[in-house]
C-alpha atoms as a PDB file:
ATOM      1  CA  MET A   1     180.094 138.588  91.475  1.00  0.00           C
ATOM      2  CA  ARG A   2     178.482 139.583  88.097  1.00  0.00           C
ATOM      3  CA  LEU A   3     177.532 136.926  86.362  1.00  0.00           C
ATOM      4  CA  VAL A   4     176.434 138.205  82.722  1.00  0.00           C
ATOM      5  CA  ILE A   5     175.094 135.637  79.572  1.00  0.00           C
ATOM      6  CA  ALA A   6     175.517 137.698  76.708  1.00  0.00           C
ATOM      7  CA  ARG A   7     176.144 136.609  73.139  1.00  0.00           C
ATOM      8  CA  CYS A   8     179.766 138.172  72.542  1.00  0.00           C
ATOM      9  CA  SER A   9     183.252 137.761  70.825  1.00  0.00           C
ATOM     10  CA  VAL A  10     186.312 138.673  73.006  1.00  0.00           C
ATOM     11  CA  ASP A  11     190.035 139.420  71.957  1.00  0.00           C
ATOM     12  CA  TYR A  12     192.642 139.557  74.198  1.00  0.00           C
ATOM     13  CA  THR A  13     195.918 141.881  73.368  1.00  0.00           C
ATOM     14  CA  GLY A  14     199.509 141.887  75.091  1.00  0.00           C
ATOM     15  CA  ARG A  15     202.228 138.968  75.132  1.00  0.00           C
ATOM     16  CA  LEU A  16     199.886 137.068  73.470  1.00  0.00           C
ATOM     17  CA  ASN A  17     197.156 137.825  71.291  1.00  0.00           C
ATOM     18  CA  ALA A  18     193.863 135.719  70.867  1.00  0.00           C
ATOM     19  CA  HIS A  19     190.027 135.930  68.849  1.00  0.00           C
ATOM     20  CA  LEU A  20     186.507 134.429  70.301  1.00  0.00           C
ATOM     21  CA  PRO A  21     184.552 135.069  67.467  1.00  0.00           C
ATOM     22  CA  LEU A  22     180.923 135.915  67.926  1.00  0.00           C
ATOM     23  CA  ALA A  23     179.027 133.417  70.243  1.00  0.00           C
ATOM     24  CA  THR A  24     177.112 132.777  73.543  1.00  0.00           C
ATOM     25  CA  ARG A  25     178.921 132.847  76.552  1.00  0.00           C
ATOM     26  CA  LEU A  26     179.172 133.241  80.582  1.00  0.00           C
ATOM     27  CA  LEU A  27     180.911 136.222  81.932  1.00  0.00           C
ATOM     28  CA  VAL A  28     182.114 136.185  85.184  1.00  0.00           C
ATOM     29  CA  HIS A  29     182.985 139.442  86.669  1.00  0.00           C
ATOM     30  CA  LYS A  30     184.642 138.440  90.298  1.00  0.00           C
ATOM     31  CA  GLY A  31     184.414 141.062  93.771  1.00  0.00           C
ATOM     32  CA  ASP A  32     188.827 140.683  92.954  1.00  0.00           C
ATOM     33  CA  GLY A  33     188.557 142.140  89.924  1.00  0.00           C
ATOM     34  CA  SER A  34     189.140 139.747  87.223  1.00  0.00           C
ATOM     35  CA  LEU A  35     187.010 138.342  84.532  1.00  0.00           C
ATOM     36  CA  LEU A  36     186.541 134.773  83.552  1.00  0.00           C
ATOM     37  CA  VAL A  37     184.462 133.827  79.740  1.00  0.00           C
ATOM     38  CA  HIS A  38     183.417 130.707  79.486  1.00  0.00           C
ATOM     39  CA  SER A  39     181.161 128.338  77.496  1.00  0.00           C
ATOM     40  CA  ASP A  40     179.050 125.664  77.981  1.00  0.00           C
ATOM     41  CA  GLY A  41     181.083 122.904  77.127  1.00  0.00           C
ATOM     42  CA  GLY A  42     184.983 121.456  76.363  1.00  0.00           C
ATOM     43  CA  SER A  43     186.440 122.145  79.702  1.00  0.00           C
ATOM     44  CA  TYR A  44     186.050 123.209  83.343  1.00  0.00           C
ATOM     45  CA  LYS A  45     188.203 125.630  82.620  1.00  0.00           C
ATOM     46  CA  PRO A  46     187.745 129.513  81.011  1.00  0.00           C
ATOM     47  CA  LEU A  47     187.879 130.299  77.328  1.00  0.00           C
ATOM     48  CA  ASN A  48     189.725 132.964  77.842  1.00  0.00           C
ATOM     49  CA  TRP A  49     190.344 134.856  80.968  1.00  0.00           C
ATOM     50  CA  MET A  50     192.260 138.104  83.040  1.00  0.00           C
ATOM     51  CA  SER A  51     193.548 137.825  86.669  1.00  0.00           C
ATOM     52  CA  PRO A  52     194.156 140.538  89.390  1.00  0.00           C
ATOM     53  CA  PRO A  53     195.252 143.209  89.360  1.00  0.00           C
ATOM     54  CA  CYS A  54     192.934 144.608  86.666  1.00  0.00           C
ATOM     55  CA  ARG A  55     190.147 146.866  86.489  1.00  0.00           C
ATOM     56  CA  LEU A  56     186.968 146.721  84.137  1.00  0.00           C
ATOM     57  CA  GLU A  57     185.404 149.449  82.189  1.00  0.00           C
ATOM     58  CA  VAL A  58     182.479 149.482  80.525  1.00  0.00           C
ATOM     59  CA  GLU A  59     182.915 152.391  77.119  1.00  0.00           C
ATOM     60  CA  GLU A  60     180.124 153.107  74.238  1.00  0.00           C
ATOM     61  CA  PRO A  61     181.252 151.110  71.166  1.00  0.00           C
ATOM     62  CA  ASP A  62     182.544 153.100  68.114  1.00  0.00           C
ATOM     63  CA  GLU A  63     180.705 153.859  65.216  1.00  0.00           C
ATOM     64  CA  GLU A  64     181.589 150.867  63.987  1.00  0.00           C
ATOM     65  CA  SER A  65     180.934 148.478  66.495  1.00  0.00           C
ATOM     66  CA  ALA A  66     177.647 150.187  66.886  1.00  0.00           C
ATOM     67  CA  SER A  67     176.811 149.223  63.282  1.00  0.00           C
ATOM     68  CA  ALA A  68     177.877 145.754  63.483  1.00  0.00           C
ATOM     69  CA  GLY A  69     175.289 145.399  66.785  1.00  0.00           C
ATOM     70  CA  VAL A  70     177.726 145.708  69.442  1.00  0.00           C
ATOM     71  CA  GLN A  71     176.083 147.321  72.349  1.00  0.00           C
ATOM     72  CA  GLU A  72     178.935 148.196  74.453  1.00  0.00           C
ATOM     73  CA  HIS A  73     182.826 147.079  75.262  1.00  0.00           C
ATOM     74  CA  TRP A  74     183.640 145.648  78.450  1.00  0.00           C
ATOM     75  CA  ARG A  75     188.108 146.635  78.591  1.00  0.00           C
ATOM     76  CA  VAL A  76     189.743 144.500  81.147  1.00  0.00           C
ATOM     77  CA  THR A  77     193.163 145.970  81.437  1.00  0.00           C
ATOM     78  CA  HIS A  78     195.812 144.403  84.144  1.00  0.00           C
ATOM     79  CA  ALA A  79     197.433 147.076  86.087  1.00  0.00           C
ATOM     80  CA  LYS A  80     201.568 145.614  85.551  1.00  0.00           C
ATOM     81  CA  SER A  81     201.107 144.177  82.800  1.00  0.00           C
ATOM     82  CA  GLY A  82     199.101 146.262  80.499  1.00  0.00           C
ATOM     83  CA  ASP A  83     196.970 143.512  78.743  1.00  0.00           C
ATOM     84  CA  ALA A  84     193.542 144.084  77.741  1.00  0.00           C
ATOM     85  CA  LEU A  85     191.130 142.340  77.420  1.00  0.00           C
ATOM     86  CA  LEU A  86     188.597 143.320  75.298  1.00  0.00           C
ATOM     87  CA  VAL A  87     184.116 142.158  75.321  1.00  0.00           C
ATOM     88  CA  ARG A  88     182.270 143.590  72.482  1.00  0.00           C
ATOM     89  CA  ILE A  89     178.986 142.878  73.915  1.00  0.00           C
ATOM     90  CA  TYR A  90     176.025 142.429  71.036  1.00  0.00           C
ATOM     91  CA  GLU A  91     172.887 141.050  73.838  1.00  0.00           C
ATOM     92  CA  VAL A  92     172.413 140.035  77.298  1.00  0.00           C
ATOM     93  CA  LEU A  93     170.193 137.320  78.409  1.00  0.00           C
ATOM     94  CA  HIS A  94     171.113 136.939  81.875  1.00  0.00           C
ATOM     95  CA  ASP A  95     172.515 139.491  84.201  1.00  0.00           C
ATOM     96  CA  THR A  96     172.712 139.318  88.035  1.00  0.00           C
ATOM     97  CA  SER A  97     174.682 140.101  91.119  1.00  0.00           C
ATOM     98  CA  HIS A  98     175.838 137.936  93.970  1.00  0.00           C
ATOM     99  CA  GLU A  99     177.674 139.059  97.485  1.00  0.00           C
ATOM    100  CA  LEU A 100     179.076 136.271  98.578  1.00  0.00           C
ATOM    101  CA  GLY A 101     181.085 137.189 101.448  1.00  0.00           C
ATOM    102  CA  ILE A 102     184.535 135.736 102.402  1.00  0.00           C
ATOM    103  CA  ASP A 103     184.829 132.340 101.669  1.00  0.00           C
ATOM    104  CA  PRO A 104     186.416 129.606 104.602  1.00  0.00           C
ATOM    105  CA  GLY A 105     188.549 127.622 101.440  1.00  0.00           C
ATOM    106  CA  LEU A 106     188.274 124.201 100.402  1.00  0.00           C
ATOM    107  CA  GLN A 107     188.868 122.123 103.692  1.00  0.00           C
ATOM    108  CA  LYS A 108     189.900 118.196 102.664  1.00  0.00           C
ATOM    109  CA  ASP A 109     190.071 114.762 104.542  1.00  0.00           C
ATOM    110  CA  GLY A 110     194.091 114.064 104.284  1.00  0.00           C
ATOM    111  CA  VAL A 111     195.803 117.092 103.650  1.00  0.00           C
ATOM    112  CA  GLU A 112     199.074 117.819 104.759  1.00  0.00           C
ATOM    113  CA  ALA A 113     198.281 119.674 108.406  1.00  0.00           C
ATOM    114  CA  ASP A 114     196.332 117.247 109.066  1.00  0.00           C
ATOM    115  CA  LEU A 115     199.203 114.878 107.807  1.00  0.00           C
ATOM    116  CA  GLN A 116     201.619 116.856 110.116  1.00  0.00           C
ATOM    117  CA  ARG A 117     199.363 116.645 112.760  1.00  0.00           C
ATOM    118  CA  LEU A 118     199.067 113.187 112.795  1.00  0.00           C
ATOM    119  CA  LEU A 119     202.806 112.761 112.634  1.00  0.00           C
ATOM    120  CA  ALA A 120     203.731 114.991 115.317  1.00  0.00           C
ATOM    121  CA  GLU A 121     201.637 112.613 117.716  1.00  0.00           C
ATOM    122  CA  GLN A 122     203.192 109.763 116.304  1.00  0.00           C
ATOM    123  CA  VAL A 123     206.740 110.506 115.592  1.00  0.00           C
ATOM    124  CA  GLU A 124     207.328 106.325 116.123  1.00  0.00           C
ATOM    125  CA  VAL A 125     205.995 106.075 112.322  1.00  0.00           C
ATOM    126  CA  ILE A 126     209.307 107.879 111.184  1.00  0.00           C
ATOM    127  CA  GLY A 127     211.782 105.916 113.833  1.00  0.00           C
ATOM    128  CA  GLU A 128     212.061 104.986 117.497  1.00  0.00           C
ATOM    129  CA  ASP A 129     213.090 106.697 120.699  1.00  0.00           C
ATOM    130  CA  LEU A 130     212.666 110.128 118.747  1.00  0.00           C
ATOM    131  CA  THR A 131     210.957 113.266 120.380  1.00  0.00           C
ATOM    132  CA  LEU A 132     209.120 115.865 118.740  1.00  0.00           C
ATOM    133  CA  VAL A 133     210.918 119.338 119.162  1.00  0.00           C
ATOM    134  CA  ARG A 134     207.928 121.526 117.414  1.00  0.00           C
ATOM    135  CA  ARG A 135     205.956 121.879 114.524  1.00  0.00           C
ATOM    136  CA  GLU A 136     206.716 124.292 111.476  1.00  0.00           C
ATOM    137  CA  PHE A 137     210.455 124.973 112.864  1.00  0.00           C
ATOM    138  CA  PRO A 138     211.235 127.876 111.353  1.00  0.00           C
ATOM    139  CA  THR A 139     214.157 129.153 109.319  1.00  0.00           C
ATOM    140  CA  ALA A 140     215.041 132.132 107.070  1.00  0.00           C
ATOM    141  CA  ILE A 141     213.268 130.020 103.953  1.00  0.00           C
ATOM    142  CA  GLY A 142     210.391 128.908 105.683  1.00  0.00           C
ATOM    143  CA  PRO A 143     209.120 126.882 108.648  1.00  0.00           C
ATOM    144  CA  VAL A 144     210.740 122.764 108.939  1.00  0.00           C
ATOM    145  CA  ASP A 145     207.095 120.579 108.885  1.00  0.00           C
ATOM    146  CA  LEU A 146     208.784 118.700 111.963  1.00  0.00           C
ATOM    147  CA  LEU A 147     211.637 118.970 113.878  1.00  0.00           C
ATOM    148  CA  LEU A 148     212.821 115.693 115.437  1.00  0.00           C
ATOM    149  CA  ARG A 149     215.338 114.277 117.721  1.00  0.00           C
ATOM    150  CA  ASP A 150     216.717 111.208 118.198  1.00  0.00           C
ATOM    151  CA  PRO A 151     217.818 109.432 121.349  1.00  0.00           C
ATOM    152  CA  THR A 152     221.713 110.689 120.314  1.00  0.00           C
ATOM    153  CA  GLY A 153     221.277 114.121 119.933  1.00  0.00           C
ATOM    154  CA  GLY A 154     221.103 114.392 116.486  1.00  0.00           C
ATOM    155  CA  THR A 155     218.213 116.314 114.648  1.00  0.00           C
ATOM    156  CA  ILE A 156     215.833 115.247 111.849  1.00  0.00           C
ATOM    157  CA  ALA A 157     214.015 117.091 109.802  1.00  0.00           C
ATOM    158  CA  VAL A 158     210.898 116.185 108.679  1.00  0.00           C
ATOM    159  CA  GLU A 159     209.013 116.826 105.198  1.00  0.00           C
ATOM    160  CA  VAL A 160     205.391 116.227 105.212  1.00  0.00           C
ATOM    161  CA  LYS A 161     203.824 116.074 101.697  1.00  0.00           C
ATOM    162  CA  ARG A 162     199.851 113.993 100.371  1.00  0.00           C
ATOM    163  CA  ARG A 163     202.220 113.613  97.070  1.00  0.00           C
ATOM    164  CA  GLY A 164     205.914 113.490  97.660  1.00  0.00           C
ATOM    165  CA  ASP A 165     207.232 114.767  94.247  1.00  0.00           C
ATOM    166  CA  ILE A 166     211.196 116.143  93.317  1.00  0.00           C
ATOM    167  CA  ASP A 167     210.142 119.688  94.531  1.00  0.00           C
ATOM    168  CA  GLY A 168     209.865 118.752  97.831  1.00  0.00           C
ATOM    169  CA  VAL A 169     212.855 116.938  98.464  1.00  0.00           C
ATOM    170  CA  GLU A 170     214.278 119.994  97.028  1.00  0.00           C
ATOM    171  CA  GLN A 171     212.777 122.168  99.393  1.00  0.00           C
ATOM    172  CA  LEU A 172     213.843 119.144 101.869  1.00  0.00           C
ATOM    173  CA  THR A 173     217.440 119.710 100.836  1.00  0.00           C
ATOM    174  CA  ARG A 174     217.377 123.686 101.323  1.00  0.00           C
ATOM    175  CA  TYR A 175     215.986 123.295 104.673  1.00  0.00           C
ATOM    176  CA  LEU A 176     218.768 120.625 105.520  1.00  0.00           C
ATOM    177  CA  ASP A 177     221.646 122.726 104.246  1.00  0.00           C
ATOM    178  CA  LEU A 178     220.051 125.587 106.225  1.00  0.00           C
ATOM    179  CA  LEU A 179     219.634 123.966 109.597  1.00  0.00           C
ATOM    180  CA  GLY A 180     223.154 121.674 109.162  1.00  0.00           C
ATOM    181  CA  ARG A 181     225.178 125.583 109.562  1.00  0.00           C
ATOM    182  CA  ASP A 182     223.567 125.979 113.342  1.00  0.00           C
ATOM    183  CA  PRO A 183     225.948 123.854 115.599  1.00  0.00           C
ATOM    184  CA  HIS A 184     222.908 123.082 118.209  1.00  0.00           C
ATOM    185  CA  LEU A 185     220.897 121.400 115.544  1.00  0.00           C
ATOM    186  CA  SER A 186     224.170 119.265 113.997  1.00  0.00           C
ATOM    187  CA  PRO A 187     224.560 116.953 113.095  1.00  0.00           C
ATOM    188  CA  VAL A 188     220.555 117.575 110.472  1.00  0.00           C
ATOM    189  CA  THR A 189     219.359 114.330 108.979  1.00  0.00           C
ATOM    190  CA  GLY A 190     216.074 114.498 106.706  1.00  0.00           C
ATOM    191  CA  VAL A 191     213.096 112.478 105.929  1.00  0.00           C
ATOM    192  CA  PHE A 192     210.879 112.873 103.033  1.00  0.00           C
ATOM    193  CA  ALA A 193     207.373 111.516 104.251  1.00  0.00           C
ATOM    194  CA  ALA A 194     203.975 111.046 102.398  1.00  0.00           C
ATOM    195  CA  GLN A 195     201.434 109.284 101.530  1.00  0.00           C
ATOM    196  CA  GLU A 196     202.538 108.765  97.425  1.00  0.00           C
ATOM    197  CA  ILE A 197     206.020 109.441  96.799  1.00  0.00           C
ATOM    198  CA  LYS A 198     207.190 109.547  93.091  1.00  0.00           C
ATOM    199  CA  PRO A 199     209.632 106.520  91.403  1.00  0.00           C
ATOM    200  CA  GLN A 200     212.138 109.544  91.031  1.00  0.00           C
ATOM    201  CA  ALA A 201     211.478 111.894  94.007  1.00  0.00           C
ATOM    202  CA  ARG A 202     212.894 108.537  95.776  1.00  0.00           C
ATOM    203  CA  VAL A 203     215.851 108.247  94.027  1.00  0.00           C
ATOM    204  CA  LEU A 204     216.782 112.164  94.604  1.00  0.00           C
ATOM    205  CA  ALA A 205     215.949 111.498  98.448  1.00  0.00           C
ATOM    206  CA  THR A 206     217.870 108.069  98.147  1.00  0.00           C
ATOM    207  CA  ASP A 207     220.690 109.997  96.194  1.00  0.00           C
ATOM    208  CA  ARG A 208     221.055 112.849  98.698  1.00  0.00           C
ATOM    209  CA  GLY A 209     221.013 110.675 101.761  1.00  0.00           C
ATOM    210  CA  ILE A 210     217.590 111.409 102.732  1.00  0.00           C
ATOM    211  CA  ARG A 211     215.182 108.462 104.210  1.00  0.00           C
ATOM    212  CA  CYS A 212     211.807 108.100 102.863  1.00  0.00           C
ATOM    213  CA  VAL A 213     208.454 107.333 104.592  1.00  0.00           C
ATOM    214  CA  THR A 214     205.245 106.216 103.030  1.00  0.00           C
ATOM    215  CA  LEU A 215     202.516 107.295 105.745  1.00  0.00           C
ATOM    216  CA  ASP A 216     199.341 105.313 106.161  1.00  0.00           C
ATOM    217  CA  TYR A 217     197.225 108.029 106.989  1.00  0.00           C
ATOM    218  CA  GLU A 218     194.278 105.642 107.615  1.00  0.00           C
ATOM    219  CA  GLY A 219     196.294 103.473 109.689  1.00  0.00           C
ATOM    220  CA  MET A 220     197.214 106.885 111.765  1.00  0.00           C
ATOM    221  CA  LYS A 221     194.254 107.203 112.302  1.00  0.00           C
ATOM    222  CA  GLY A 222     193.551 104.596 113.719  1.00  0.00           C
ATOM    223  CA  ILE A 223     191.581 102.931 110.670  1.00  0.00           C
ATOM    224  CA  GLU A 224     193.483  99.552 110.297  1.00  0.00           C
ATOM    225  CA  SER A 225     193.534  99.750 106.490  1.00  0.00           C
ATOM    226  CA  GLY A 226     196.559  96.798 105.303  1.00  0.00           C
ATOM    227  CA  ALA A 227     198.939  99.327 104.043  1.00  0.00           C
ATOM    228  CA  PRO A 228     202.770  99.158 105.070  1.00  0.00           C
ATOM    229  CA  ARG A 229     203.294 102.430 107.066  1.00  0.00           C
ATOM    230  CA  LEU A 230     207.460 102.814 106.346  1.00  0.00           C
ATOM    231  CA  PHE A 231     209.490 101.822 103.413  1.00  0.00           C
END
């Protein structure tokens, strides 16, 4: 990763055109080829950027730019769209490069994988006398988080989310449609399980015959929170 603090102007051309006038900014050129342009306030988001796949080429300024004080041009071109980001460097105040290595990724307490694991160990949260068939049950359109059996031999497909919204209900609906075509699994019902379920998602789920379960994550970890587990 290369970090450059420079006095620069920036022009983006392509599906949209944008201009950043001359000012001191932070330029971040990452190992994946992307370039991000940051200011020292206003937002944590970059002012402008180019996402991979793209390539950066350093060019000598033309006569007009050189006469205006430009030292070099950074031209970043997107490999698919052809969009271009042109950074005119007037003065470099800081320039360092660092090898960060492979990042393991953000690990959060209470992510969907943790909820799924806990729920697989505590299927009684979903209902009585249920048995776990397997986690990540494969389908042609992606894995179902949990597949359970009820005492009558019916199948229950469970979609697990931290925050349940309409997209999650739509996802589970597609799984149910596909699983219901398998005579070895039919009849199949659905359960939408999340720490928090948005009202619109609950209405849509109910309309489609999908049961909603609100998960008490702290309680499932063995910490008494006082929050009810089922709604």
